[in-house]
Amino acid sequence: MTTRGGVYVRPVDSTKSTEPS
């Protein structure tokens, strides 16, 4: 997983992951 803004996001589950606006 990659860390974006301190939030772990899954490139494969970008729809389920919580990405910072």
PDB file of N, CA and C in Angstrom:
ATOM      1  N   MET A   1       0.843  -1.212   0.000  1.00  0.00           N
ATOM      2  CA  MET A   1       0.000   0.000   0.000  1.00  0.00           C
ATOM      3  C   MET A   1       0.868   1.248   0.000  1.00  0.00           C
ATOM      4  N   THR A   2       0.302   2.310  -0.481  1.00  0.00           N
ATOM      5  CA  THR A   2       1.035   3.570  -0.522  1.00  0.00           C
ATOM      6  C   THR A   2       0.476   4.556   0.492  1.00  0.00           C
ATOM      7  N   THR A   3       1.345   5.393   1.011  1.00  0.00           N
ATOM      8  CA  THR A   3       0.914   6.353   2.021  1.00  0.00           C
ATOM      9  C   THR A   3       0.675   7.722   1.386  1.00  0.00           C
ATOM     10  N   ARG A   4      -0.566   8.165   1.385  1.00  0.00           N
ATOM     11  CA  ARG A   4      -0.895   9.484   0.822  1.00  0.00           C
ATOM     12  C   ARG A   4      -1.505  10.352   1.907  1.00  0.00           C
ATOM     13  N   GLY A   5      -0.776  11.399   2.288  1.00  0.00           N
ATOM     14  CA  GLY A   5      -1.295  12.302   3.315  1.00  0.00           C
ATOM     15  C   GLY A   5      -1.433  11.605   4.653  1.00  0.00           C
ATOM     16  N   GLY A   6      -0.621  10.571   4.876  1.00  0.00           N
ATOM     17  CA  GLY A   6      -0.680   9.850   6.132  1.00  0.00           C
ATOM     18  C   GLY A   6      -1.782   8.813   6.145  1.00  0.00           C
ATOM     19  N   VAL A   7      -2.479   8.685   5.006  1.00  0.00           N
ATOM     20  CA  VAL A   7      -3.563   7.718   4.911  1.00  0.00           C
ATOM     21  C   VAL A   7      -3.150   6.581   3.984  1.00  0.00           C
ATOM     22  N   TYR A   8      -3.314   5.355   4.448  1.00  0.00           N
ATOM     23  CA  TYR A   8      -2.956   4.205   3.639  1.00  0.00           C
ATOM     24  C   TYR A   8      -4.038   3.937   2.598  1.00  0.00           C
ATOM     25  N   VAL A   9      -3.639   4.004   1.334  1.00  0.00           N
ATOM     26  CA  VAL A   9      -4.599   3.757   0.266  1.00  0.00           C
ATOM     27  C   VAL A   9      -4.136   2.605  -0.607  1.00  0.00           C
ATOM     28  N   ARG A  10      -5.076   1.747  -0.979  1.00  0.00           N
ATOM     29  CA  ARG A  10      -4.733   0.612  -1.830  1.00  0.00           C
ATOM     30  C   ARG A  10      -5.005   0.972  -3.290  1.00  0.00           C
ATOM     31  N   PRO A  11      -3.963   0.918  -4.128  1.00  0.00           N
ATOM     32  CA  PRO A  11      -4.088   1.222  -5.556  1.00  0.00           C
ATOM     33  C   PRO A  11      -5.104   0.296  -6.233  1.00  0.00           C
ATOM     34  N   VAL A  12      -5.281  -0.884  -5.682  1.00  0.00           N
ATOM     35  CA  VAL A  12      -6.207  -1.857  -6.258  1.00  0.00           C
ATOM     36  C   VAL A  12      -7.625  -1.609  -5.770  1.00  0.00           C
ATOM     37  N   ASP A  13      -7.739  -0.998  -4.595  1.00  0.00           N
ATOM     38  CA  ASP A  13      -9.062  -0.703  -4.032  1.00  0.00           C
ATOM     39  C   ASP A  13      -9.208   0.792  -3.774  1.00  0.00           C
ATOM     40  N   SER A  14      -8.927   1.578  -4.798  1.00  0.00           N
ATOM     41  CA  SER A  14      -8.987   3.024  -4.648  1.00  0.00           C
ATOM     42  C   SER A  14     -10.413   3.492  -4.415  1.00  0.00           C
ATOM     43  N   THR A  15     -11.360   2.657  -4.763  1.00  0.00           N
ATOM     44  CA  THR A  15     -12.769   3.015  -4.603  1.00  0.00           C
ATOM     45  C   THR A  15     -13.224   2.783  -3.172  1.00  0.00           C
ATOM     46  N   LYS A  16     -12.525   1.864  -2.488  1.00  0.00           N
ATOM     47  CA  LYS A  16     -12.904   1.544  -1.119  1.00  0.00           C
ATOM     48  C   LYS A  16     -12.017   2.256  -0.112  1.00  0.00           C
ATOM     49  N   SER A  17     -10.849   2.691  -0.605  1.00  0.00           N
ATOM     50  CA  SER A  17      -9.899   3.340   0.289  1.00  0.00           C
ATOM     51  C   SER A  17     -10.294   4.789   0.536  1.00  0.00           C
ATOM     52  N   THR A  18      -9.846   5.317   1.661  1.00  0.00           N
ATOM     53  CA  THR A  18     -10.188   6.696   2.012  1.00  0.00           C
ATOM     54  C   THR A  18      -9.065   7.626   1.606  1.00  0.00           C
ATOM     55  N   GLU A  19      -9.304   8.405   0.554  1.00  0.00           N
ATOM     56  CA  GLU A  19      -8.295   9.340   0.082  1.00  0.00           C
ATOM     57  C   GLU A  19      -8.647  10.754   0.515  1.00  0.00           C
ATOM     58  N   PRO A  20      -7.636  11.505   0.953  1.00  0.00           N
ATOM     59  CA  PRO A  20      -7.837  12.897   1.365  1.00  0.00           C
ATOM     60  C   PRO A  20      -8.245  13.763   0.175  1.00  0.00           C
ATOM     61  N   SER A  21      -9.232  14.582   0.333  1.00  0.00           N
ATOM     62  CA  SER A  21      -9.731  15.400  -0.759  1.00  0.00           C
ATOM     63  C   SER A  21      -8.688  16.424  -1.180  1.00  0.00           C
TER      64      SER A  21
END
